[in-house]
C-alpha atoms as a PDB file:
ATOM      1  CA  MET A   1      69.324 137.624  70.652  1.00  0.00           C
ATOM      2  CA  THR A   2      70.077 136.653  74.236  1.00  0.00           C
ATOM      3  CA  ASN A   3      67.532 135.308  76.633  1.00  0.00           C
ATOM      4  CA  GLN A   4      68.329 137.281  79.779  1.00  0.00           C
ATOM      5  CA  ARG A   5      65.831 137.573  82.572  1.00  0.00           C
ATOM      6  CA  GLU A   6      64.863 140.936  83.999  1.00  0.00           C
ATOM      7  CA  PRO A   7      66.517 141.663  87.333  1.00  0.00           C
ATOM      8  CA  THR A   8      64.206 141.478  90.323  1.00  0.00           C
ATOM      9  CA  GLN A   9      63.509 144.577  92.400  1.00  0.00           C
ATOM     10  CA  HIS A  10      66.067 143.266  94.915  1.00  0.00           C
ATOM     11  CA  GLU A  11      68.718 142.997  92.166  1.00  0.00           C
ATOM     12  CA  ARG A  12      67.982 146.252  90.313  1.00  0.00           C
ATOM     13  CA  SER A  13      70.799 148.781  90.704  1.00  0.00           C
ATOM     14  CA  LEU A  14      69.106 151.922  91.953  1.00  0.00           C
ATOM     15  CA  TYR A  15      71.313 153.816  94.349  1.00  0.00           C
ATOM     16  CA  ILE A  16      74.247 156.127  93.737  1.00  0.00           C
ATOM     17  CA  ILE A  17      77.207 155.729  96.055  1.00  0.00           C
ATOM     18  CA  SER A  18      76.226 158.497  98.497  1.00  0.00           C
ATOM     19  CA  VAL A  19      72.727 157.055  98.972  1.00  0.00           C
ATOM     20  CA  ALA A  20      74.065 153.498  99.256  1.00  0.00           C
ATOM     21  CA  ALA A  21      76.580 154.644 101.875  1.00  0.00           C
ATOM     22  CA  GLU A  22      73.844 156.344 103.881  1.00  0.00           C
ATOM     23  CA  LEU A  23      71.555 153.300 103.671  1.00  0.00           C
ATOM     24  CA  ALA A  24      74.393 151.011 104.767  1.00  0.00           C
ATOM     25  CA  GLY A  25      75.513 153.365 107.527  1.00  0.00           C
ATOM     26  CA  VAL A  26      79.045 153.882 106.208  1.00  0.00           C
ATOM     27  CA  HIS A  27      81.053 156.566 104.419  1.00  0.00           C
ATOM     28  CA  ALA A  28      81.187 156.498 100.609  1.00  0.00           C
ATOM     29  CA  GLN A  29      84.957 156.007 100.798  1.00  0.00           C
ATOM     30  CA  THR A  30      84.331 152.808 102.763  1.00  0.00           C
ATOM     31  CA  LEU A  31      82.291 151.471  99.831  1.00  0.00           C
ATOM     32  CA  ARG A  32      85.192 152.206  97.503  1.00  0.00           C
ATOM     33  CA  ILE A  33      87.538 150.337  99.844  1.00  0.00           C
ATOM     34  CA  TYR A  34      85.166 147.358  99.983  1.00  0.00           C
ATOM     35  CA  GLU A  35      85.071 147.341  96.199  1.00  0.00           C
ATOM     36  CA  ARG A  36      88.885 147.486  95.915  1.00  0.00           C
ATOM     37  CA  LYS A  37      89.112 144.580  98.386  1.00  0.00           C
ATOM     38  CA  GLY A  38      86.683 142.570  96.244  1.00  0.00           C
ATOM     39  CA  LEU A  39      83.922 142.426  98.854  1.00  0.00           C
ATOM     40  CA  ILE A  40      81.312 144.055  96.635  1.00  0.00           C
ATOM     41  CA  GLU A  41      80.954 144.682  92.924  1.00  0.00           C
ATOM     42  CA  PRO A  42      78.372 147.355  92.178  1.00  0.00           C
ATOM     43  CA  ALA A  43      76.881 147.742  88.726  1.00  0.00           C
ATOM     44  CA  ARG A  44      78.211 150.583  86.591  1.00  0.00           C
ATOM     45  CA  THR A  45      76.421 153.035  84.354  1.00  0.00           C
ATOM     46  CA  GLN A  46      77.704 153.640  80.833  1.00  0.00           C
ATOM     47  CA  GLY A  47      79.513 156.653  82.271  1.00  0.00           C
ATOM     48  CA  GLY A  48      81.213 154.484  84.904  1.00  0.00           C
ATOM     49  CA  SER A  49      79.245 155.627  87.966  1.00  0.00           C
ATOM     50  CA  ARG A  50      78.551 152.993  90.596  1.00  0.00           C
ATOM     51  CA  ARG A  51      74.965 151.848  91.155  1.00  0.00           C
ATOM     52  CA  TYR A  52      73.977 149.725  94.143  1.00  0.00           C
ATOM     53  CA  SER A  53      71.001 147.375  94.447  1.00  0.00           C
ATOM     54  CA  ASP A  54      68.997 146.419  97.514  1.00  0.00           C
ATOM     55  CA  ARG A  55      70.995 143.177  97.522  1.00  0.00           C
ATOM     56  CA  ASP A  56      74.216 145.219  97.564  1.00  0.00           C
ATOM     57  CA  ILE A  57      72.899 147.281 100.494  1.00  0.00           C
ATOM     58  CA  ALA A  58      72.101 144.093 102.426  1.00  0.00           C
ATOM     59  CA  LEU A  59      75.622 142.826 101.709  1.00  0.00           C
ATOM     60  CA  LEU A  60      77.126 146.125 102.843  1.00  0.00           C
ATOM     61  CA  ARG A  61      75.180 145.907 106.079  1.00  0.00           C
ATOM     62  CA  ARG A  62      76.441 142.346 106.617  1.00  0.00           C
ATOM     63  CA  ILE A  63      80.027 143.468 105.996  1.00  0.00           C
ATOM     64  CA  GLN A  64      79.537 146.329 108.443  1.00  0.00           C
ATOM     65  CA  GLU A  65      78.073 143.956 111.035  1.00  0.00           C
ATOM     66  CA  LEU A  66      81.081 141.661 110.766  1.00  0.00           C
ATOM     67  CA  THR A  67      83.651 144.465 110.882  1.00  0.00           C
ATOM     68  CA  ASN A  68      81.894 145.990 113.891  1.00  0.00           C
ATOM     69  CA  GLU A  69      82.370 142.627 115.619  1.00  0.00           C
ATOM     70  CA  GLY A  70      86.105 142.924 114.983  1.00  0.00           C
ATOM     71  CA  VAL A  71      86.432 140.708 111.912  1.00  0.00           C
ATOM     72  CA  SER A  72      89.134 141.843 109.464  1.00  0.00           C
ATOM     73  CA  LEU A  73      88.250 142.444 105.813  1.00  0.00           C
ATOM     74  CA  VAL A  74      90.111 139.250 104.894  1.00  0.00           C
ATOM     75  CA  GLY A  75      88.008 137.417 107.463  1.00  0.00           C
ATOM     76  CA  VAL A  76      84.846 139.077 106.165  1.00  0.00           C
ATOM     77  CA  ARG A  77      85.612 137.857 102.646  1.00  0.00           C
ATOM     78  CA  LYS A  78      86.100 134.281 103.882  1.00  0.00           C
ATOM     79  CA  ILE A  79      82.912 134.384 105.973  1.00  0.00           C
ATOM     80  CA  LEU A  80      80.923 135.688 102.997  1.00  0.00           C
ATOM     81  CA  GLU A  81      82.364 132.963 100.760  1.00  0.00           C
ATOM     82  CA  LEU A  82      81.450 130.303 103.326  1.00  0.00           C
ATOM     83  CA  GLU A  83      77.943 131.721 103.731  1.00  0.00           C
ATOM     84  CA  ASP A  84      77.503 131.569  99.941  1.00  0.00           C
ATOM     85  CA  ASP A  85      78.782 127.980  99.925  1.00  0.00           C
ATOM     86  CA  VAL A  86      76.323 127.016 102.657  1.00  0.00           C
ATOM     87  CA  ALA A  87      73.435 128.636 100.758  1.00  0.00           C
ATOM     88  CA  ASP A  88      74.439 126.733  97.591  1.00  0.00           C
ATOM     89  CA  LEU A  89      74.638 123.456  99.507  1.00  0.00           C
ATOM     90  CA  ILE A  90      71.242 124.018 101.123  1.00  0.00           C
ATOM     91  CA  ALA A  91      69.733 124.649  97.673  1.00  0.00           C
ATOM     92  CA  ARG A  92      71.367 121.457  96.362  1.00  0.00           C
ATOM     93  CA  ILE A  93      70.039 119.441  99.304  1.00  0.00           C
ATOM     94  CA  ARG A  94      66.525 120.726  98.562  1.00  0.00           C
ATOM     95  CA  GLU A  95      66.889 119.694  94.910  1.00  0.00           C
ATOM     96  CA  LEU A  96      68.011 116.217  95.924  1.00  0.00           C
ATOM     97  CA  GLU A  97      65.198 115.876  98.466  1.00  0.00           C
ATOM     98  CA  GLN A  98      62.697 116.782  95.750  1.00  0.00           C
ATOM     99  CA  ALA A  99      64.261 114.236  93.382  1.00  0.00           C
ATOM    100  CA  ILE A 100      64.065 111.544  96.073  1.00  0.00           C
ATOM    101  CA  GLU A 101      60.437 112.413  96.720  1.00  0.00           C
ATOM    102  CA  ARG A 102      59.644 112.165  92.989  1.00  0.00           C
ATOM    103  CA  VAL A 103      61.269 108.717  92.834  1.00  0.00           C
ATOM    104  CA  ARG A 104      59.432 107.556  95.959  1.00  0.00           C
ATOM    105  CA  SER A 105      56.080 108.773  94.688  1.00  0.00           C
ATOM    106  CA  ALA A 106      56.518 107.296  91.196  1.00  0.00           C
ATOM    107  CA  PRO A 107      54.496 104.166  90.466  1.00  0.00           C
ATOM    108  CA  ARG A 108      56.358 100.960  91.284  1.00  0.00           C
ATOM    109  CA  GLY A 109      58.390  99.668  88.376  1.00  0.00           C
ATOM    110  CA  ALA A 110      58.421 103.028  86.605  1.00  0.00           C
ATOM    111  CA  ALA A 111      61.919 103.856  87.868  1.00  0.00           C
ATOM    112  CA  SER A 112      63.381 100.477  86.874  1.00  0.00           C
ATOM    113  CA  SER A 113      61.877 100.216  83.369  1.00  0.00           C
ATOM    114  CA  LYS A 114      64.626 101.470  81.061  1.00  0.00           C
END
């Protein structure tokens, strides 16, 4: 028995490729190209059909924004990786700030009594 959390509404794979393409403002073939290039990885049904989530649609729109600005798909991949890295680092900084705050607000001597 695994303890997996339910996907949020933003993560739930709802859209077939034609609807996802329309929502993202691109052709369905473009989504297939993005997938082959490793820019997006949609969920699959048991029958193998692609299903896209709201998060996927947001990512597709970001890819489209970057390509419209003249960024190559290789460049898009690097930018997306860097944006993910920055988001991870920001989350880590927040964790560390919270840990520092807990130490500062602890009663004196509590941190040094081991």
